[in-house]
Amino acid sequence: MTKKLFTEQVMDQAASLCHNRGVKFTPQRRMVLEILYAADKPMSAYEILDLMRGMVKNPAPPTVYRALDFLREQGLVHKLESLQAFIGCIHPEYPHSSQFLICADCGGVSEINDAAIVQSLGTVSKSIGFQTKHPVVELLGTCAECTGKNQ
């Protein structure tokens, strides 16, 4: 499947999810999501803003931040706190806690969804009275492709 076809399918799914939830998938929100899915790496809000400058007249940072907030609330994107960047979600159809494997060499990010990790962290958090607001795990390391290059 080509990246363009994949992006079109994601946009259709996002529009459908938003419609079913009774929220508006505005052209600006769609544009931000398209930019994230077209990217080869996570992007900061200002990188998104820079790309939008070529598509719309005078985009403003608040527009991008509002779109990103909406997309996060709808589970369509994730924020990678360690990178201060955003990435499209691979499972927007259901709420979930994700884990991200971030390659320090190439910048690639893989989203995984391991229930055992979520359960383990939940058990530990509960045992010490810690309430998780946004359970995201980010692991920084080297991907298999970069590890092979370095050997």
Protein backbone atom coordinates (compact mmCIF):
# COMPACT_ATOMS: atom_id res chain seq x y z
CA MET A 1 0.00 0.00 0.00
CA THR A 2 1.35 3.40 -0.92
CA LYS A 3 1.81 6.06 1.74
CA LYS A 4 -0.71 8.31 -0.05
CA LEU A 5 -3.37 5.58 -0.06
CA PHE A 6 -2.66 4.82 3.60
CA THR A 7 -2.99 8.52 4.49
CA GLU A 8 -6.30 8.74 2.60
CA GLN A 9 -7.62 5.70 4.51
CA VAL A 10 -6.51 7.24 7.83
CA MET A 11 -8.25 10.52 6.95
CA ASP A 12 -11.46 8.66 6.08
CA GLN A 13 -11.26 6.74 9.35
CA ALA A 14 -10.59 9.94 11.32
CA ALA A 15 -13.54 11.69 9.67
CA SER A 16 -15.78 8.72 10.43
CA LEU A 17 -14.64 8.49 14.05
CA CYS A 18 -15.21 12.21 14.58
CA HIS A 19 -18.64 12.04 12.95
CA ASN A 20 -19.66 9.09 15.16
CA ARG A 21 -18.42 10.96 18.25
CA GLY A 22 -20.30 14.12 17.29
CA VAL A 23 -17.18 16.30 16.97
CA LYS A 24 -16.04 18.38 14.02
CA PHE A 25 -13.12 17.29 11.90
CA THR A 26 -12.37 20.73 10.48
CA PRO A 27 -10.13 21.39 7.47
CA GLN A 28 -7.36 22.70 9.77
CA ARG A 29 -7.53 19.59 11.97
CA ARG A 30 -7.47 17.40 8.89
CA MET A 31 -4.47 19.30 7.49
CA VAL A 32 -2.49 18.85 10.72
CA LEU A 33 -3.30 15.14 10.79
CA GLU A 34 -2.35 14.75 7.10
CA ILE A 35 0.98 16.45 7.76
CA LEU A 36 1.72 14.10 10.64
CA TYR A 37 0.85 10.97 8.66
CA ALA A 38 2.85 12.14 5.65
CA ALA A 39 5.93 12.76 7.81
CA ASP A 40 8.67 10.18 8.18
CA LYS A 41 9.28 11.19 11.79
CA PRO A 42 7.50 12.80 14.73
CA MET A 43 7.01 16.53 14.28
CA SER A 44 6.94 19.50 16.62
CA ALA A 45 4.09 21.99 16.46
CA TYR A 46 6.40 24.54 14.86
CA GLU A 47 7.53 22.07 12.19
CA ILE A 48 3.84 21.49 11.41
CA LEU A 49 3.28 25.25 11.34
CA ASP A 50 6.16 25.69 8.88
CA LEU A 51 4.63 23.13 6.51
CA MET A 52 1.20 24.74 6.82
CA ARG A 53 2.68 28.07 5.68
CA GLY A 54 2.95 26.63 2.20
CA MET A 55 -0.70 25.54 2.25
CA VAL A 56 -2.70 28.26 4.04
CA LYS A 57 -2.31 31.99 4.39
CA ASN A 58 -0.82 33.16 7.70
CA PRO A 59 -1.31 30.09 9.91
CA ALA A 60 -0.85 30.92 13.59
CA PRO A 61 0.65 28.79 16.37
CA PRO A 62 -2.64 28.71 18.34
CA THR A 63 -4.35 27.14 15.32
CA VAL A 64 -1.84 24.29 15.28
CA TYR A 65 -1.91 23.82 19.06
CA ARG A 66 -5.73 23.76 19.12
CA ALA A 67 -5.77 21.21 16.30
CA LEU A 68 -3.19 19.05 18.08
CA ASP A 69 -5.15 19.24 21.35
CA PHE A 70 -8.31 18.14 19.54
CA LEU A 71 -6.51 15.32 17.71
CA ARG A 72 -5.01 14.10 21.00
CA GLU A 73 -8.40 14.20 22.73
CA GLN A 74 -9.83 12.08 19.93
CA GLY A 75 -6.94 9.61 20.12
CA LEU A 76 -5.78 10.39 16.59
CA VAL A 77 -2.29 11.51 17.58
CA HIS A 78 0.12 10.98 20.44
CA LYS A 79 2.55 13.43 21.97
CA LEU A 80 6.04 12.14 22.56
CA GLU A 81 7.02 14.08 25.65
CA SER A 82 10.73 13.30 25.41
CA LEU A 83 10.86 14.77 21.90
CA GLN A 84 8.21 17.49 22.34
CA ALA A 85 6.78 16.13 19.10
CA PHE A 86 3.64 14.50 17.77
CA ILE A 87 2.96 11.32 15.80
CA GLY A 88 -0.16 9.84 14.25
CA CYS A 89 -1.78 7.00 16.19
CA ILE A 90 -1.88 3.55 14.62
CA HIS A 91 -5.04 2.51 16.54
CA PRO A 92 -7.31 5.56 16.74
CA GLU A 93 -10.45 3.45 16.78
CA TYR A 94 -10.14 2.61 20.47
CA PRO A 95 -8.63 4.25 23.55
CA HIS A 96 -5.33 2.75 24.63
CA SER A 97 -2.08 3.35 26.43
CA SER A 98 0.84 3.16 24.09
CA GLN A 99 4.50 2.45 24.33
CA PHE A 100 6.95 4.02 21.91
CA LEU A 101 10.33 2.77 20.81
CA ILE A 102 12.35 5.81 19.71
CA CYS A 103 15.56 5.34 17.78
CA ALA A 104 18.19 7.86 18.85
CA ASP A 105 20.13 7.29 15.61
CA CYS A 106 17.54 7.66 12.83
CA GLY A 107 14.66 9.25 14.75
CA GLY A 108 12.26 6.48 13.80
CA VAL A 109 9.42 5.71 16.18
CA SER A 110 7.45 2.48 16.57
CA GLU A 111 4.20 2.45 18.49
CA ILE A 112 3.44 -0.75 20.34
CA ASN A 113 0.51 -1.69 22.49
CA ASP A 114 1.48 -4.25 25.12
CA ALA A 115 -1.28 -4.91 27.67
CA ALA A 116 1.18 -6.60 30.04
CA ILE A 117 3.22 -3.37 30.28
CA VAL A 118 0.08 -1.35 30.95
CA GLN A 119 -1.08 -3.81 33.60
CA SER A 120 2.32 -3.93 35.31
CA LEU A 121 2.62 -0.15 35.45
CA GLY A 122 -0.98 0.12 36.68
CA THR A 123 -0.33 -2.35 39.47
CA VAL A 124 2.83 -0.57 40.62
CA SER A 125 1.19 2.85 40.39
CA LYS A 126 -1.82 1.72 42.39
CA SER A 127 0.35 0.09 45.05
CA ILE A 128 2.04 3.42 45.82
CA GLY A 129 -1.09 5.54 45.43
CA PHE A 130 0.03 7.19 42.20
CA GLN A 131 -2.72 8.25 39.79
CA THR A 132 -1.65 8.20 36.17
CA LYS A 133 -3.01 11.00 34.00
CA HIS A 134 -1.52 10.02 30.66
CA PRO A 135 0.07 6.57 30.66
CA VAL A 136 2.63 6.74 27.88
CA VAL A 137 5.93 4.89 27.91
CA GLU A 138 8.83 6.05 25.76
CA LEU A 139 11.94 3.95 25.31
CA LEU A 140 14.98 5.55 23.73
CA GLY A 141 17.43 3.24 22.03
CA THR A 142 18.59 2.01 18.63
CA CYS A 143 16.34 0.31 16.10
CA ALA A 144 17.30 -2.96 14.40
CA GLU A 145 18.14 -1.23 11.14
CA CYS A 146 20.55 1.21 12.82
CA THR A 147 22.01 -1.51 15.03
CA GLY A 148 22.86 -3.47 11.87
CA LYS A 149 24.56 -0.42 10.35
CA ASN A 150 26.70 0.07 13.45
CA GLN A 151 28.06 -3.48 13.51
